[in-house]
């Protein structure tokens, strides 16, 4: 059974997300439509959070994500495929899952052109 660790919120989490965002843009390039820091570490007003940087990436073409796996592995990520949710690509990074990334296509997210 996995233990849940809670930590006091810290600005360091925002910096860690920004570093990862830059790295992921370099890997996924023009396929990225939007990227978001989600989950408890993204909530500045929260007192405690699990120390996991959750990242949501919206891409134009989910079918080519497998072509980035070599670069993702070099960046420390493990590819988990859809991992139980059709149309999603799931990646984790770190021995204790310090980063979790969810990738969906624009079509799956039903995002309007105004988004």
Protein backbone atom coordinates (compact mmCIF):
# COMPACT_ATOMS: atom_id res chain seq x y z
CA UNK A 1 0.00 0.00 0.00
CA UNK A 2 1.32 3.42 -0.97
CA UNK A 3 1.64 5.99 1.82
CA UNK A 4 0.31 9.46 1.15
CA UNK A 5 2.77 12.18 2.06
CA UNK A 6 1.52 15.71 2.69
CA UNK A 7 3.81 18.73 2.75
CA UNK A 8 3.34 22.42 3.44
CA UNK A 9 2.70 24.30 0.20
CA UNK A 10 5.84 25.88 -1.25
CA UNK A 11 6.62 28.21 -4.16
CA UNK A 12 9.22 25.65 -5.23
CA UNK A 13 6.40 23.61 -6.78
CA UNK A 14 5.60 26.40 -9.20
CA UNK A 15 9.28 26.61 -10.21
CA UNK A 16 9.41 22.82 -10.69
CA UNK A 17 6.34 23.00 -12.92
CA UNK A 18 7.82 25.83 -14.99
CA UNK A 19 11.05 23.84 -15.53
CA UNK A 20 9.04 20.82 -16.62
CA UNK A 21 6.81 22.90 -18.87
CA UNK A 22 9.87 24.24 -20.71
CA UNK A 23 11.31 20.73 -21.07
CA UNK A 24 8.04 19.27 -22.33
CA UNK A 25 7.59 22.05 -24.89
CA UNK A 26 11.06 21.20 -26.25
CA UNK A 27 10.11 17.53 -26.57
CA UNK A 28 6.52 17.77 -27.80
CA UNK A 29 7.09 20.94 -29.85
CA UNK A 30 4.23 22.12 -32.07
CA UNK A 31 1.97 19.27 -30.98
CA UNK A 32 1.29 21.13 -27.71
CA UNK A 33 -1.82 23.29 -27.72
CA UNK A 34 -1.99 24.00 -23.97
CA UNK A 35 -0.20 22.91 -20.84
CA UNK A 36 -1.46 23.31 -17.28
CA UNK A 37 -0.15 22.82 -13.77
CA UNK A 38 -3.02 20.97 -12.06
CA UNK A 39 -3.54 19.18 -8.77
CA UNK A 40 -2.87 20.26 -5.21
CA UNK A 41 0.62 21.68 -5.84
CA UNK A 42 -0.93 24.22 -8.21
CA UNK A 43 -3.22 25.69 -5.54
CA UNK A 44 -1.34 28.57 -3.91
CA UNK A 45 -3.84 29.00 -1.09
CA UNK A 46 -3.77 25.40 0.06
CA UNK A 47 -1.95 24.63 3.31
CA UNK A 48 -0.84 21.08 2.51
CA UNK A 49 -0.45 19.07 -0.67
CA UNK A 50 0.95 15.83 -1.98
CA UNK A 51 4.40 16.73 -3.35
CA UNK A 52 3.55 15.66 -6.88
CA UNK A 53 3.64 18.02 -9.85
CA UNK A 54 0.57 17.10 -11.93
CA UNK A 55 0.67 18.27 -15.52
CA UNK A 56 -2.14 18.27 -18.06
CA UNK A 57 -1.07 18.56 -21.69
CA UNK A 58 -3.50 19.10 -24.55
CA UNK A 59 -2.10 18.12 -27.93
CA UNK A 60 -3.31 18.36 -31.48
CA UNK A 61 -2.39 14.75 -32.33
CA UNK A 62 -2.47 12.10 -29.58
CA UNK A 63 -1.57 9.35 -32.06
CA UNK A 64 2.05 10.55 -32.43
CA UNK A 65 2.83 10.66 -28.69
CA UNK A 66 4.54 7.26 -28.93
CA UNK A 67 7.07 8.82 -31.33
CA UNK A 68 8.29 11.04 -28.45
CA UNK A 69 8.85 8.17 -26.00
CA UNK A 70 12.64 8.05 -26.51
CA UNK A 71 12.96 11.72 -25.58
CA UNK A 72 10.50 11.29 -22.70
CA UNK A 73 12.54 8.39 -21.29
CA UNK A 74 15.73 10.46 -21.62
CA UNK A 75 13.95 13.19 -19.62
CA UNK A 76 13.22 10.66 -16.86
CA UNK A 77 9.62 9.75 -17.69
CA UNK A 78 8.12 6.28 -17.87
CA UNK A 79 5.38 5.75 -20.44
CA UNK A 80 2.28 4.02 -19.05
CA UNK A 81 0.11 4.13 -22.19
CA UNK A 82 -3.57 4.87 -21.69
CA UNK A 83 -3.42 3.37 -18.17
CA UNK A 84 -7.14 2.65 -17.99
CA UNK A 85 -8.52 5.76 -19.70
CA UNK A 86 -9.10 5.45 -23.43
CA UNK A 87 -7.57 8.28 -25.43
CA UNK A 88 -5.19 9.39 -22.67
CA UNK A 89 -1.42 9.01 -22.49
CA UNK A 90 -0.01 8.78 -18.99
CA UNK A 91 3.62 9.38 -17.94
CA UNK A 92 5.32 9.39 -14.54
CA UNK A 93 8.71 10.74 -13.54
CA UNK A 94 10.83 10.02 -10.51
CA UNK A 95 11.23 7.11 -8.14
CA UNK A 96 8.34 8.39 -6.03
CA UNK A 97 6.29 9.78 -8.92
CA UNK A 98 7.37 13.38 -8.36
CA UNK A 99 5.80 14.34 -11.70
CA UNK A 100 2.69 12.93 -13.31
CA UNK A 101 1.64 13.92 -16.80
CA UNK A 102 -1.72 13.36 -18.47
CA UNK A 103 -1.90 13.94 -22.21
CA UNK A 104 -5.20 14.27 -24.07
CA UNK A 105 -6.04 15.38 -27.58
CA UNK A 106 -7.90 18.60 -28.20
CA UNK A 107 -10.79 16.56 -29.59
CA UNK A 108 -11.00 14.47 -26.40
CA UNK A 109 -11.03 17.57 -24.24
CA UNK A 110 -13.77 19.18 -26.38
CA UNK A 111 -11.93 22.46 -26.28
CA UNK A 112 -13.43 25.29 -28.26
CA UNK A 113 -11.37 27.51 -30.55
CA UNK A 114 -11.74 30.27 -27.94
CA UNK A 115 -9.85 28.26 -25.32
